[in-house]
C-alpha atoms as a PDB file:
ATOM      1  CA  MET A   1      91.766-199.172   6.085  1.00  0.00           C
ATOM      2  CA  ARG A   2      91.658-198.085   2.484  1.00  0.00           C
ATOM      3  CA  ARG A   3      94.063-199.695   0.089  1.00  0.00           C
ATOM      4  CA  VAL A   4      96.009-197.354  -2.189  1.00  0.00           C
ATOM      5  CA  LEU A   5      96.095-198.697  -5.741  1.00  0.00           C
ATOM      6  CA  ASP A   6      98.161-197.822  -8.703  1.00  0.00           C
ATOM      7  CA  PRO A   7      96.143-195.926 -11.373  1.00  0.00           C
ATOM      8  CA  ALA A   8      97.250-198.500 -13.977  1.00  0.00           C
ATOM      9  CA  ILE A   9      95.769-201.292 -11.861  1.00  0.00           C
ATOM     10  CA  ASP A  10      92.537-199.320 -11.450  1.00  0.00           C
ATOM     11  CA  LEU A  11      92.319-198.939 -15.221  1.00  0.00           C
ATOM     12  CA  LEU A  12      92.964-202.643 -15.728  1.00  0.00           C
ATOM     13  CA  GLU A  13      90.239-203.509 -13.221  1.00  0.00           C
ATOM     14  CA  PHE A  14      87.805-201.179 -14.989  1.00  0.00           C
ATOM     15  CA  ASP A  15      88.669-202.578 -18.432  1.00  0.00           C
ATOM     16  CA  THR A  16      88.199-206.144 -17.159  1.00  0.00           C
ATOM     17  CA  ALA A  17      84.825-205.320 -15.607  1.00  0.00           C
ATOM     18  CA  ALA A  18      83.701-203.526 -18.768  1.00  0.00           C
ATOM     19  CA  GLU A  19      84.741-206.481 -20.952  1.00  0.00           C
ATOM     20  CA  LEU A  20      82.894-208.955 -18.713  1.00  0.00           C
ATOM     21  CA  LEU A  21      79.787-206.778 -18.761  1.00  0.00           C
ATOM     22  CA  TYR A  22      79.996-206.452 -22.563  1.00  0.00           C
ATOM     23  CA  ARG A  23      80.323-210.223 -22.974  1.00  0.00           C
ATOM     24  CA  PHE A  24      77.411-210.832 -20.587  1.00  0.00           C
ATOM     25  CA  VAL A  25      75.136-208.460 -22.505  1.00  0.00           C
ATOM     26  CA  ASP A  26      76.194-209.990 -25.840  1.00  0.00           C
ATOM     27  CA  ASP A  27      75.499-213.531 -24.575  1.00  0.00           C
ATOM     28  CA  LEU A  28      72.163-212.438 -23.111  1.00  0.00           C
ATOM     29  CA  HIS A  29      71.200-210.850 -26.433  1.00  0.00           C
ATOM     30  CA  ALA A  30      72.105-214.016 -28.348  1.00  0.00           C
ATOM     31  CA  TYR A  31      70.122-216.092 -25.837  1.00  0.00           C
ATOM     32  CA  THR A  32      67.027-213.919 -26.187  1.00  0.00           C
ATOM     33  CA  LEU A  33      67.214-214.132 -29.991  1.00  0.00           C
ATOM     34  CA  THR A  34      67.424-217.921 -29.757  1.00  0.00           C
ATOM     35  CA  TYR A  35      64.550-218.061 -27.293  1.00  0.00           C
ATOM     36  CA  ALA A  36      62.422-215.832 -29.518  1.00  0.00           C
ATOM     37  CA  SER A  37      63.140-217.975 -32.577  1.00  0.00           C
ATOM     38  CA  LEU A  38      62.129-221.121 -30.683  1.00  0.00           C
ATOM     39  CA  ALA A  39      58.952-219.495 -29.366  1.00  0.00           C
ATOM     40  CA  ALA A  40      57.868-218.412 -32.860  1.00  0.00           C
ATOM     41  CA  PRO A  41      55.518-220.798 -34.706  1.00  0.00           C
ATOM     42  CA  SER A  42      57.828-220.978 -37.702  1.00  0.00           C
ATOM     43  CA  HIS A  43      61.268-219.670 -38.441  1.00  0.00           C
ATOM     44  CA  GLU A  44      62.625-218.540 -41.808  1.00  0.00           C
ATOM     45  CA  ARG A  45      65.037-221.495 -41.865  1.00  0.00           C
ATOM     46  CA  GLU A  46      62.142-223.910 -41.462  1.00  0.00           C
ATOM     47  CA  ARG A  47      60.542-222.600 -44.655  1.00  0.00           C
ATOM     48  CA  ARG A  48      63.719-223.016 -46.703  1.00  0.00           C
ATOM     49  CA  ILE A  49      63.945-226.146 -48.834  1.00  0.00           C
ATOM     50  CA  THR A  50      67.265-227.881 -48.326  1.00  0.00           C
ATOM     51  CA  ARG A  51      68.222-230.671 -50.645  1.00  0.00           C
ATOM     52  CA  TYR A  52      70.603-233.340 -49.476  1.00  0.00           C
ATOM     53  CA  GLY A  53      72.558-235.577 -51.794  1.00  0.00           C
ATOM     54  CA  PRO A  54      75.577-237.806 -51.763  1.00  0.00           C
ATOM     55  CA  GLU A  55      78.958-236.181 -52.173  1.00  0.00           C
ATOM     56  CA  ASP A  56      81.245-237.826 -54.666  1.00  0.00           C
ATOM     57  CA  GLN A  57      84.691-238.292 -53.212  1.00  0.00           C
ATOM     58  CA  PRO A  58      87.481-239.508 -55.455  1.00  0.00           C
ATOM     59  CA  ALA A  59      88.970-242.806 -54.306  1.00  0.00           C
ATOM     60  CA  GLY A  60      92.546-241.552 -54.736  1.00  0.00           C
ATOM     61  CA  PRO A  61      92.951-239.591 -51.484  1.00  0.00           C
ATOM     62  CA  ALA A  62      91.121-242.270 -49.507  1.00  0.00           C
ATOM     63  CA  PHE A  63      93.496-245.017 -50.595  1.00  0.00           C
ATOM     64  CA  PRO A  64      96.974-243.528 -51.153  1.00  0.00           C
ATOM     65  CA  ALA A  65      98.738-246.900 -50.832  1.00  0.00           C
ATOM     66  CA  CYS A  66      96.855-248.280 -53.846  1.00  0.00           C
ATOM     67  CA  ALA A  67      98.009-245.408 -56.053  1.00  0.00           C
ATOM     68  CA  ARG A  68     101.719-246.149 -55.582  1.00  0.00           C
ATOM     69  CA  SER A  69     103.460-248.306 -58.101  1.00  0.00           C
ATOM     70  CA  SER A  70     106.038-250.873 -57.055  1.00  0.00           C
END
Protein backbone atom coordinates (compact mmCIF):
# COMPACT_ATOMS: atom_id res chain seq x y z
CA MET A 1 0.00 0.00 0.00
CA ARG A 2 1.45 3.32 -1.03
CA ARG A 3 1.26 6.15 1.43
CA VAL A 4 -0.02 9.47 0.09
CA LEU A 5 2.11 12.35 1.36
CA ASP A 6 1.58 16.03 1.41
CA PRO A 7 3.82 17.85 -1.13
CA ALA A 8 5.11 20.10 1.68
CA ILE A 9 6.26 17.04 3.61
CA ASP A 10 7.94 15.65 0.49
CA LEU A 11 9.81 18.92 0.07
CA LEU A 12 10.86 18.91 3.71
CA GLU A 13 12.13 15.34 3.39
CA PHE A 14 14.10 16.28 0.27
CA ASP A 15 15.58 19.39 1.91
CA THR A 16 16.60 17.36 4.97
CA ALA A 17 18.25 14.67 2.84
CA ALA A 18 20.05 17.30 0.75
CA GLU A 19 21.32 19.08 3.88
CA LEU A 20 22.59 15.81 5.38
CA LEU A 21 24.33 14.91 2.12
CA TYR A 22 25.89 18.40 1.92
CA ARG A 23 27.17 18.15 5.50
CA PHE A 24 28.55 14.65 4.86
CA VAL A 25 30.46 15.80 1.77
CA ASP A 26 31.77 18.88 3.61
CA ASP A 27 32.97 16.75 6.56
CA LEU A 28 34.54 14.22 4.19
CA HIS A 29 36.35 17.01 2.36
CA ALA A 30 37.69 18.46 5.62
CA TYR A 31 38.79 14.97 6.70
CA THR A 32 40.66 14.34 3.46
CA LEU A 33 42.43 17.71 3.74
CA THR A 34 43.50 16.84 7.28
CA TYR A 35 44.65 13.39 6.23
CA ALA A 36 46.64 14.84 3.34
CA SER A 37 48.31 17.40 5.59
CA LEU A 38 49.31 14.67 8.05
CA ALA A 39 50.64 12.44 5.27
CA ALA A 40 52.81 15.23 3.84
CA PRO A 41 56.43 15.33 5.07
CA SER A 42 56.11 18.94 6.18
CA HIS A 43 53.25 21.36 6.39
CA GLU A 44 53.40 25.13 5.92
CA ARG A 45 52.55 25.66 9.60
CA GLU A 46 55.52 23.54 10.63
CA ARG A 47 57.89 25.89 8.79
CA ARG A 48 56.49 29.00 10.47
CA ILE A 49 58.45 30.34 13.42
CA THR A 50 56.17 31.02 16.36
CA ARG A 51 57.52 32.91 19.30
CA TYR A 52 56.00 32.41 22.71
CA GLY A 53 56.36 34.85 25.55
CA PRO A 54 54.73 35.71 28.82
CA GLU A 55 51.65 37.89 28.72
CA ASP A 56 51.61 40.75 31.16
CA GLN A 57 48.32 40.91 32.99
CA PRO A 58 47.61 43.86 35.24
CA ALA A 59 47.04 42.86 38.86
CA GLY A 60 43.94 45.06 39.17
CA PRO A 61 41.34 42.79 37.54
CA ALA A 62 42.80 39.72 39.23
CA PHE A 63 42.41 41.17 42.71
CA PRO A 64 39.37 43.49 42.77
CA ALA A 65 39.00 43.32 46.57
CA CYS A 66 42.46 44.84 47.07
CA ALA A 67 41.59 47.86 44.92
CA ARG A 68 38.66 48.94 47.11
CA SER A 69 39.26 51.48 49.80
CA SER A 70 37.60 51.19 53.19
